[in-house]
Amino acid sequence: TRAAQGDLYMKMASVGGKLGGEVLANLSSEDMSQVFPGWLYEARKDTIKGSLEGLRQMEKETLQCVFEGAALTDLPERKELTKITIPSLILAWTDDPTHPLSTARELDNCLPDSTLHVAENISGFESWPELIREFVLKTV
């Protein structure tokens, strides 16, 4: 799943590096379904649209570096993941085009001490702060 996402990030690096945050934010606002699942966008439309303001403020060089870096990132090999013994909390949501649920499930299978929580709606997403709090308190 990573190759297609890497290609998208490289396109965003190119556009952002040449045209800046204003253009990239405007392009992104046309189809937020490329970034957020519909249920989350509908529940948090104003917040999500507001986050584009930060993108608008970013310098061309910064945008290019950020998206090129994102394009180059990838998970280690599965056998390397199995060596990670610290507790891990994996938070995912359904219909995430940039971080597929299949990847979250594979991480959960590979990491020996992991907990996966999948938000399927806004109430599941809103439970994340409490899940994080419980996880941190349990692992400290």
Protein backbone atom coordinates (compact mmCIF):
# COMPACT_ATOMS: atom_id res chain seq x y z
CA THR A 1 0.00 0.00 0.00
CA ARG A 2 2.94 2.33 0.54
CA ALA A 3 4.03 2.90 -3.07
CA ALA A 4 0.83 4.68 -4.10
CA GLN A 5 0.89 6.87 -1.00
CA GLY A 6 4.55 7.69 -1.59
CA ASP A 7 3.71 8.78 -5.13
CA LEU A 8 0.95 11.05 -3.82
CA TYR A 9 3.31 12.60 -1.28
CA MET A 10 5.90 13.26 -3.98
CA LYS A 11 3.25 15.03 -6.08
CA MET A 12 2.31 17.11 -3.04
CA ALA A 13 6.00 17.89 -2.45
CA SER A 14 6.31 19.09 -6.02
CA VAL A 15 3.17 21.23 -5.94
CA GLY A 16 3.91 22.61 -2.48
CA GLY A 17 7.54 23.29 -3.36
CA LYS A 18 6.64 25.20 -6.50
CA LEU A 19 3.34 26.85 -5.65
CA GLY A 20 3.28 27.07 -1.85
CA GLY A 21 0.86 26.33 0.93
CA GLU A 22 -2.00 28.48 -0.32
CA VAL A 23 -2.34 26.50 -3.55
CA LEU A 24 -1.82 23.16 -1.81
CA ALA A 25 -4.46 24.00 0.81
CA ASN A 26 -6.91 25.04 -1.89
CA LEU A 27 -6.33 21.82 -3.81
CA SER A 28 -6.64 19.75 -0.64
CA SER A 29 -9.89 21.44 0.36
CA GLU A 30 -11.53 20.34 -2.89
CA ASP A 31 -11.57 16.69 -1.85
CA MET A 32 -10.95 16.06 1.82
CA SER A 33 -11.96 12.40 1.32
CA GLN A 34 -8.37 11.80 0.21
CA VAL A 35 -7.28 12.54 3.75
CA PHE A 36 -10.23 11.83 6.09
CA PRO A 37 -13.02 9.28 6.13
CA GLY A 38 -16.45 10.75 5.38
CA TRP A 39 -17.83 10.14 8.88
CA LEU A 40 -14.96 12.07 10.46
CA TYR A 41 -15.11 14.90 7.96
CA GLU A 42 -18.85 15.35 8.49
CA ALA A 43 -18.50 15.39 12.28
CA ARG A 44 -15.49 17.72 12.35
CA LYS A 45 -15.85 19.70 9.12
CA ASP A 46 -14.99 23.08 10.64
CA THR A 47 -11.96 21.77 12.53
CA ILE A 48 -10.63 19.96 9.47
CA LYS A 49 -11.13 22.95 7.23
CA GLY A 50 -9.45 25.08 9.87
CA SER A 51 -6.39 22.82 9.81
CA LEU A 52 -5.82 23.89 6.22
CA GLU A 53 -4.93 27.34 7.56
CA GLY A 54 -1.69 25.91 8.93
CA LEU A 55 -0.91 24.46 5.52
CA ARG A 56 -1.54 27.85 3.92
CA GLN A 57 1.11 29.43 6.15
CA MET A 58 3.89 26.99 5.30
CA GLU A 59 6.89 28.03 3.23
CA LYS A 60 7.47 26.32 -0.12
CA GLU A 61 10.76 24.76 0.99
CA THR A 62 9.20 23.43 4.19
CA LEU A 63 6.30 21.86 2.33
CA GLN A 64 8.62 20.19 -0.12
CA CYS A 65 10.80 18.75 2.67
CA VAL A 66 7.83 17.56 4.74
CA PHE A 67 6.15 15.72 1.88
CA GLU A 68 9.39 14.30 0.48
CA GLY A 69 10.17 12.98 3.95
CA ALA A 70 6.72 11.44 4.20
CA ALA A 71 7.18 9.81 0.79
CA LEU A 72 10.44 8.21 1.88
CA THR A 73 9.18 6.75 5.16
CA ASP A 74 8.23 3.13 5.41
CA LEU A 75 7.89 0.46 8.04
CA PRO A 76 10.79 -1.85 8.73
CA GLU A 77 10.62 -5.49 7.65
CA ARG A 78 8.14 -7.65 9.55
CA LYS A 79 10.91 -9.63 11.27
CA GLU A 80 12.31 -6.34 12.62
CA LEU A 81 8.90 -5.33 13.96
CA THR A 82 8.64 -8.57 15.94
CA LYS A 83 11.74 -7.50 17.89
CA ILE A 84 10.02 -4.40 19.30
CA THR A 85 9.06 -5.43 22.80
CA ILE A 86 7.77 -2.16 24.23
CA PRO A 87 3.99 -1.86 24.59
CA SER A 88 2.42 -0.21 21.56
CA LEU A 89 -0.96 1.41 21.09
CA ILE A 90 -2.13 1.44 17.48
CA LEU A 91 -4.94 3.85 16.66
CA ALA A 92 -6.60 3.57 13.28
CA TRP A 93 -9.85 4.52 11.64
CA THR A 94 -11.87 2.91 8.92
CA ASP A 95 -11.67 4.26 5.38
CA ASP A 96 -8.31 5.95 5.94
CA PRO A 97 -6.75 6.39 2.50
CA THR A 98 -3.34 7.45 3.80
CA HIS A 99 -2.91 4.87 6.57
CA PRO A 100 -4.83 1.75 5.49
CA LEU A 101 -6.49 -0.38 8.12
CA SER A 102 -4.66 -3.37 6.66
CA THR A 103 -1.38 -1.76 7.74
CA ALA A 104 -2.66 -1.20 11.28
CA ARG A 105 -3.76 -4.82 11.48
CA GLU A 106 -0.43 -6.04 10.16
CA LEU A 107 1.38 -3.91 12.77
CA ASP A 108 -0.82 -5.41 15.46
CA ASN A 109 0.07 -8.90 14.22
CA CYS A 110 3.80 -8.17 14.13
CA LEU A 111 4.30 -6.23 17.34
CA PRO A 112 4.44 -8.66 20.27
CA ASP A 113 2.86 -6.31 22.84
CA SER A 114 0.37 -4.20 20.91
CA THR A 115 -3.20 -3.06 21.30
CA LEU A 116 -5.20 -2.02 18.25
CA HIS A 117 -8.19 0.27 18.43
CA VAL A 118 -10.15 0.98 15.26
CA ALA A 119 -12.54 3.93 15.20
CA GLU A 120 -15.48 3.26 12.93
CA ASN A 121 -17.41 6.41 13.80
CA ILE A 122 -17.02 9.69 15.63
CA SER A 123 -17.66 8.23 19.08
CA GLY A 124 -14.88 5.70 18.53
CA PHE A 125 -12.57 8.52 17.47
CA GLU A 126 -13.55 10.64 20.46
CA SER A 127 -12.58 7.78 22.78
CA TRP A 128 -8.91 8.06 21.72
CA PRO A 129 -7.79 10.56 24.39
CA GLU A 130 -9.06 8.25 27.13
CA LEU A 131 -7.52 5.19 25.45
CA ILE A 132 -4.19 6.98 25.24
CA ARG A 133 -4.42 8.07 28.87
CA GLU A 134 -5.22 4.53 30.04
CA PHE A 135 -2.43 3.08 27.90
CA VAL A 136 0.16 5.51 29.24
CA LEU A 137 -0.90 4.99 32.86
CA LYS A 138 -0.80 1.24 32.39
CA THR A 139 2.66 1.22 30.82
CA VAL A 140 4.46 3.67 33.09
